[in-house]
Amino acid sequence: MKISVVIPMYGCREAIGELHSRLVTSVSKITDDYEIIMVNDNCPQNSWEVIEELCSKDKHVKGIELSRNFGQMKAILAGLDNASGDWIVVMDCDLQDRPEEIIRLYEKAQEGYDVVFARRAHRQDNPIKIFLANQFYKVYRYAVDGEYDGAICNFSIVKKEVIEKYCQMREQHRAYVMYLRWLGFRQAVIDVEHNERFAGKSGYSLKKRLNMAIELLTSQSDKILRLFIRLGFGLSFISFLAIIGLIIYHFVADVAIGWTSLIATTVLMGGLIISVIGVVGIYVGNIFIETKNRPLYVIRQILNSDK
């Protein structure tokens, strides 16, 4: 039985040594047959130097260097595509996910589950970040018509057969946990401790988070389009009633309809039309991106590869 640990690396050079040490201690308590796959997503701190050094000293470490920054989800996919374990663990590189919890994830999986997620019992993040994340997940639950616990993170252990199904999904806009939720299989969740970041800072700016939220919502659901259709019918009905009311008011009170209300209504409808066109444009853009069928990532080199 072999375990693979996949870690996308970005902005955490100072944590790599500590991460490796704790991973070896933790995973070796389960099995001596394991691999630690570190995927360098073009880290600006040149983490690849540290990964190269680890690969030369420890044959359990497999280093994957991407040709440029492709983003966390695609870096995870690159690691999964090259993982050979019977069980695959995915975790972050900043040690907010505790390597010691892998043992608990594995023990839970042995109860007959194919996927075991970690849920952050007490999230150690900026309050604003937590608030925005919670609001997004409320919207996401509405968009997909399903339950989704925002405290569940990428930290998980998954059976090889499930990962193979996940890797067959080659959409450009990716969401690890959400895709696994969609796949189904026997899933469980355990509560884990969530630590402060060991070093560095998050690579996700507010702008990146907003863009990612839009990508996820429009790639996972068409409910936003349906919402605008309902809005259009609603406004049409209200406008119809308003027109009838204004006509009656004009003949009963013999008062001319004002230009101010007409201009305000025109501007409002123009804004709504532009918004609808923008939303449709996002969906069309997603289709355009998918039809190009470009590779989701490009690997520059792999160290300690067994393929």
Protein backbone atom coordinates (compact mmCIF):
# COMPACT_ATOMS: atom_id res chain seq x y z
CA MET A 1 0.00 0.00 0.00
CA LYS A 2 1.46 3.31 -1.13
CA ILE A 3 0.55 6.87 -0.13
CA SER A 4 1.16 9.94 -2.29
CA VAL A 5 1.13 13.43 -0.80
CA VAL A 6 0.53 16.17 -3.38
CA ILE A 7 1.48 19.73 -2.43
CA PRO A 8 1.21 22.79 -4.71
CA MET A 9 4.12 25.08 -3.84
CA TYR A 10 3.81 28.86 -4.02
CA GLY A 11 5.11 31.54 -1.66
CA CYS A 12 6.27 29.19 1.11
CA ARG A 13 10.02 28.67 0.59
CA GLU A 14 10.75 29.07 4.32
CA ALA A 15 8.26 26.35 5.24
CA ILE A 16 9.50 23.61 2.89
CA GLY A 17 12.11 22.13 5.23
CA GLU A 18 9.74 21.99 8.19
CA LEU A 19 6.97 20.64 5.97
CA HIS A 20 9.16 17.82 4.66
CA SER A 21 10.39 16.85 8.12
CA ARG A 22 6.90 16.65 9.61
CA LEU A 23 5.51 14.82 6.58
CA VAL A 24 8.18 12.13 6.78
CA THR A 25 7.50 11.65 10.50
CA SER A 26 3.74 11.47 9.98
CA VAL A 27 3.42 9.37 6.81
CA SER A 28 6.12 6.87 7.84
CA LYS A 29 3.91 5.90 10.79
CA ILE A 30 1.40 4.58 8.24
CA THR A 31 3.74 3.06 5.64
CA ASP A 32 7.33 3.15 4.41
CA ASP A 33 6.07 3.14 0.83
CA TYR A 34 5.19 6.76 0.12
CA GLU A 35 6.02 9.71 -2.11
CA ILE A 36 5.89 13.43 -1.44
CA ILE A 37 5.08 15.30 -4.66
CA MET A 38 6.00 18.98 -4.52
CA VAL A 39 4.67 20.95 -7.49
CA ASN A 40 6.47 24.27 -7.95
CA ASP A 41 3.92 26.66 -9.49
CA ASN A 42 6.58 29.17 -10.56
CA CYS A 43 7.07 30.43 -7.01
CA PRO A 44 8.62 33.94 -7.03
CA GLN A 45 10.79 32.98 -4.04
CA ASN A 46 12.54 30.31 -6.14
CA SER A 47 11.32 27.39 -4.05
CA TRP A 48 12.60 25.06 -6.76
CA GLU A 49 16.15 25.30 -5.39
CA VAL A 50 14.97 23.92 -2.05
CA ILE A 51 12.90 21.20 -3.76
CA GLU A 52 15.90 20.15 -5.87
CA GLU A 53 18.02 19.81 -2.73
CA LEU A 54 15.35 17.71 -1.01
CA CYS A 55 15.03 15.46 -4.08
CA SER A 56 18.78 14.82 -4.07
CA LYS A 57 18.70 13.80 -0.39
CA ASP A 58 15.37 11.97 -0.18
CA LYS A 59 14.18 9.68 -2.98
CA HIS A 60 10.69 9.77 -1.49
CA VAL A 61 10.40 13.37 -2.71
CA LYS A 62 9.28 13.93 -6.30
CA GLY A 63 9.73 17.46 -7.63
CA ILE A 64 7.60 18.84 -10.46
CA GLU A 65 8.43 22.25 -11.91
CA LEU A 66 5.75 23.90 -14.05
CA SER A 67 6.83 26.11 -16.95
CA ARG A 68 4.96 29.11 -15.49
CA ASN A 69 2.33 29.94 -12.89
CA PHE A 70 -0.85 28.02 -13.75
CA GLY A 71 -2.66 28.44 -10.44
CA GLN A 72 -3.23 26.24 -7.41
CA MET A 73 -5.91 23.98 -8.88
CA LYS A 74 -3.90 23.13 -11.98
CA ALA A 75 -0.76 22.59 -9.89
CA ILE A 76 -2.75 20.10 -7.82
CA LEU A 77 -3.88 18.37 -11.02
CA ALA A 78 -0.27 18.13 -12.23
CA GLY A 79 0.64 16.38 -8.98
CA LEU A 80 -2.36 14.04 -9.16
CA ASP A 81 -1.59 13.10 -12.77
CA ASN A 82 1.87 11.99 -11.61
CA ALA A 83 0.85 10.32 -8.33
CA SER A 84 1.16 6.54 -8.08
CA GLY A 85 -0.18 5.92 -4.58
CA ASP A 86 -3.16 3.78 -3.62
CA TRP A 87 -4.23 6.72 -1.45
CA ILE A 88 -3.53 10.35 -2.37
CA VAL A 89 -3.34 13.20 0.13
CA VAL A 90 -3.69 16.82 -1.02
CA MET A 91 -2.60 19.62 1.28
CA ASP A 92 -1.26 23.20 1.24
CA CYS A 93 2.41 24.09 1.64
CA ASP A 94 2.13 26.77 4.35
CA LEU A 95 1.60 24.30 7.24
CA GLN A 96 -1.84 25.64 8.07
CA ASP A 97 -2.77 22.05 7.28
CA ARG A 98 -1.02 19.94 9.93
CA PRO A 99 0.86 16.92 8.47
CA GLU A 100 0.09 15.04 11.70
CA GLU A 101 -3.60 15.00 10.74
CA ILE A 102 -2.85 12.71 7.78
CA ILE A 103 -2.87 9.77 10.19
CA ARG A 104 -6.40 10.63 11.30
CA LEU A 105 -7.55 11.08 7.70
CA TYR A 106 -6.14 7.68 6.79
CA GLU A 107 -7.67 5.97 9.82
CA LYS A 108 -11.08 7.40 8.92
CA ALA A 109 -10.69 6.21 5.33
CA GLN A 110 -10.06 2.67 6.59
CA GLU A 111 -13.61 2.64 7.95
CA GLY A 112 -14.78 2.12 4.38
CA TYR A 113 -14.66 5.58 2.83
CA ASP A 114 -13.25 6.54 -0.57
CA VAL A 115 -12.83 10.24 0.24
CA VAL A 116 -12.17 11.90 3.59
CA PHE A 117 -12.12 15.70 3.81
CA ALA A 118 -10.63 17.84 6.58
CA ARG A 119 -12.89 20.51 8.03
CA ARG A 120 -11.21 23.46 9.75
CA ALA A 121 -12.78 23.60 13.21
CA HIS A 122 -11.33 27.03 14.02
CA ARG A 123 -10.09 28.78 10.91
CA GLN A 124 -6.91 30.83 11.48
CA ASP A 125 -7.37 33.47 8.79
CA ASN A 126 -8.10 37.16 8.42
CA PRO A 127 -11.69 37.91 9.60
CA ILE A 128 -12.44 39.77 6.36
CA LYS A 129 -11.24 36.78 4.34
CA ILE A 130 -13.45 34.45 6.39
CA PHE A 131 -16.47 36.76 6.00
CA LEU A 132 -16.06 37.03 2.22
CA ALA A 133 -15.59 33.26 1.92
CA ASN A 134 -18.77 32.62 3.92
CA GLN A 135 -20.76 35.00 1.69
CA PHE A 136 -19.43 33.31 -1.43
CA TYR A 137 -20.42 29.85 -0.20
CA LYS A 138 -23.94 31.10 0.51
CA VAL A 139 -24.21 32.24 -3.10
CA TYR A 140 -22.58 29.01 -4.30
CA ARG A 141 -25.07 26.85 -2.40
CA TYR A 142 -27.88 28.78 -4.06
CA ALA A 143 -26.29 28.48 -7.51
CA VAL A 144 -25.79 24.70 -7.38
CA ASP A 145 -28.94 23.89 -5.38
CA GLY A 146 -26.94 21.85 -2.89
CA GLU A 147 -25.33 21.87 0.52
CA TYR A 148 -21.70 22.89 0.76
CA ASP A 149 -19.70 23.37 3.94
CA GLY A 150 -17.29 26.27 3.47
CA ALA A 151 -15.11 25.02 6.34
CA ILE A 152 -14.08 21.99 4.26
CA CYS A 153 -10.70 22.55 2.62
CA ASN A 154 -8.50 20.90 -0.01
CA PHE A 155 -6.75 18.92 2.74
CA SER A 156 -8.02 15.39 2.14
CA ILE A 157 -7.18 11.76 1.46
CA VAL A 158 -8.71 10.12 -1.60
CA LYS A 159 -8.64 6.62 -3.03
CA LYS A 160 -6.72 6.17 -6.28
CA GLU A 161 -9.82 5.07 -8.22
CA VAL A 162 -11.59 8.32 -7.32
CA ILE A 163 -8.57 10.43 -8.28
CA GLU A 164 -8.51 8.72 -11.68
CA LYS A 165 -12.10 9.84 -12.25
CA TYR A 166 -11.24 13.35 -11.08
CA CYS A 167 -8.29 13.57 -13.48
CA GLN A 168 -10.59 12.71 -16.38
CA MET A 169 -12.37 16.03 -15.82
CA ARG A 170 -10.24 18.47 -17.82
CA GLU A 171 -12.15 21.74 -17.50
CA GLN A 172 -10.05 24.91 -17.37
CA HIS A 173 -11.89 26.39 -14.38
CA ARG A 174 -11.31 23.89 -11.59
CA ALA A 175 -12.41 23.36 -8.00
CA TYR A 176 -10.90 20.36 -6.22
CA VAL A 177 -13.37 19.86 -3.37
CA MET A 178 -16.43 20.76 -5.45
CA TYR A 179 -15.48 18.29 -8.19
CA LEU A 180 -14.96 15.51 -5.66
CA ARG A 181 -18.33 16.33 -4.10
CA TRP A 182 -19.91 16.04 -7.54
CA LEU A 183 -18.24 12.68 -8.22
CA GLY A 184 -19.86 11.16 -5.15
CA PHE A 185 -18.47 7.84 -3.83
CA ARG A 186 -18.37 7.18 -0.08
CA GLN A 187 -17.31 10.42 1.59
CA ALA A 188 -16.65 11.49 5.17
CA VAL A 189 -15.48 14.62 6.99
CA ILE A 190 -13.36 15.00 10.13
CA ASP A 191 -12.60 18.15 12.10
CA VAL A 192 -8.94 19.16 12.22
CA GLU A 193 -6.88 21.94 13.75
CA HIS A 194 -6.06 24.86 11.48
CA ASN A 195 -2.76 26.56 12.26
CA GLU A 196 -1.42 30.03 11.59
CA ARG A 197 0.62 30.31 8.40
CA PHE A 198 4.18 29.11 9.09
CA ALA A 199 5.76 31.59 6.67
CA GLY A 200 4.94 33.87 3.76
CA LYS A 201 1.53 35.19 2.80
CA SER A 202 -1.37 34.09 0.66
CA GLY A 203 -0.97 34.39 -3.11
CA TYR A 204 -4.67 35.20 -3.46
CA SER A 205 -5.35 38.93 -3.61
CA LEU A 206 -8.91 40.26 -3.32
CA LYS A 207 -9.03 40.66 -7.11
CA LYS A 208 -7.92 37.06 -7.64
CA ARG A 209 -10.53 35.81 -5.17
CA LEU A 210 -13.31 37.74 -6.92
CA ASN A 211 -12.24 36.45 -10.33
CA MET A 212 -12.08 32.90 -9.00
CA ALA A 213 -15.55 33.25 -7.45
CA ILE A 214 -17.01 34.41 -10.78
CA GLU A 215 -15.25 31.57 -12.63
CA LEU A 216 -16.56 28.95 -10.21
CA LEU A 217 -20.12 30.23 -10.24
CA THR A 218 -20.35 30.50 -14.02
CA SER A 219 -18.54 27.20 -14.71
CA GLN A 220 -20.51 25.14 -12.19
CA SER A 221 -24.04 26.45 -12.75
CA ASP A 222 -26.31 28.23 -15.24
CA LYS A 223 -28.56 29.51 -12.48
CA ILE A 224 -27.33 33.08 -12.88
CA LEU A 225 -28.67 33.09 -16.44
CA ARG A 226 -31.98 31.70 -15.20
CA LEU A 227 -32.07 34.39 -12.52
CA PHE A 228 -31.76 37.14 -15.14
CA ILE A 229 -34.53 35.53 -17.19
CA ARG A 230 -36.82 35.71 -14.16
CA LEU A 231 -35.70 39.28 -13.53
CA GLY A 232 -36.52 40.16 -17.14
CA PHE A 233 -40.02 38.69 -16.92
CA GLY A 234 -40.59 40.44 -13.60
CA LEU A 235 -39.51 43.84 -14.91
CA SER A 236 -41.61 43.37 -18.05
CA PHE A 237 -44.67 42.63 -15.93
CA ILE A 238 -44.03 45.66 -13.69
CA SER A 239 -43.47 47.87 -16.75
CA PHE A 240 -46.73 46.65 -18.28
CA LEU A 241 -48.63 47.55 -15.12
CA ALA A 242 -46.86 50.93 -14.93
CA ILE A 243 -47.79 51.76 -18.53
CA ILE A 244 -51.44 50.96 -17.89
CA GLY A 245 -51.35 53.07 -14.71
CA LEU A 246 -49.73 56.03 -16.48
CA ILE A 247 -52.26 55.92 -19.32
CA ILE A 248 -55.16 55.90 -16.87
CA TYR A 249 -53.53 58.69 -14.84
CA HIS A 250 -53.01 60.77 -17.98
CA PHE A 251 -56.66 60.65 -19.04
CA VAL A 252 -58.15 60.94 -15.55
CA ALA A 253 -55.90 63.72 -14.23
CA ASP A 254 -55.07 65.21 -17.64
CA VAL A 255 -51.38 65.47 -16.65
CA ALA A 256 -48.49 64.94 -19.09
CA ILE A 257 -46.04 62.17 -18.24
CA GLY A 258 -42.76 63.63 -17.00
CA TRP A 259 -39.46 63.24 -18.82
CA THR A 260 -37.52 62.64 -15.59
CA SER A 261 -39.20 59.32 -14.85
CA LEU A 262 -38.83 58.28 -18.49
CA ILE A 263 -35.09 59.00 -18.53
CA ALA A 264 -34.56 57.27 -15.17
CA THR A 265 -36.41 54.19 -16.41
CA THR A 266 -34.41 54.15 -19.65
CA VAL A 267 -31.09 54.37 -17.79
CA LEU A 268 -32.16 51.60 -15.39
CA MET A 269 -33.18 49.27 -18.20
CA GLY A 270 -30.02 50.09 -20.15
CA GLY A 271 -27.89 49.16 -17.15
CA LEU A 272 -29.75 45.88 -16.68
CA ILE A 273 -29.38 45.01 -20.37
CA ILE A 274 -25.63 45.67 -20.25
CA SER A 275 -25.36 43.50 -17.11
CA VAL A 276 -27.22 40.64 -18.80
CA ILE A 277 -25.01 40.91 -21.88
CA GLY A 278 -21.96 40.83 -19.59
CA VAL A 279 -23.13 37.66 -17.84
CA VAL A 280 -23.91 35.97 -21.17
CA GLY A 281 -20.47 37.09 -22.36
CA ILE A 282 -18.81 35.33 -19.41
CA TYR A 283 -20.56 32.07 -20.27
CA VAL A 284 -19.66 32.43 -23.96
CA GLY A 285 -16.07 33.21 -22.93
CA ASN A 286 -15.96 30.01 -20.86
CA ILE A 287 -17.09 28.04 -23.91
CA PHE A 288 -14.42 29.73 -26.04
CA ILE A 289 -11.69 28.87 -23.52
CA GLU A 290 -12.79 25.22 -23.35
CA THR A 291 -12.99 24.79 -27.14
CA LYS A 292 -9.33 25.81 -27.52
CA ASN A 293 -8.51 22.55 -25.74
CA ARG A 294 -5.12 23.71 -24.51
CA PRO A 295 -3.23 21.65 -21.91
CA LEU A 296 -4.14 22.58 -18.36
CA TYR A 297 -0.48 22.86 -17.39
CA VAL A 298 3.00 22.44 -18.87
CA ILE A 299 5.78 20.66 -16.97
CA ARG A 300 9.33 21.95 -17.35
CA GLN A 301 10.98 19.08 -15.51
CA ILE A 302 10.34 16.26 -13.04
CA LEU A 303 12.85 15.01 -10.47
CA ASN A 304 12.82 11.46 -9.03
CA SER A 305 10.13 10.42 -11.49
CA ASP A 306 9.23 6.72 -11.52
CA LYS A 307 7.63 6.91 -14.96
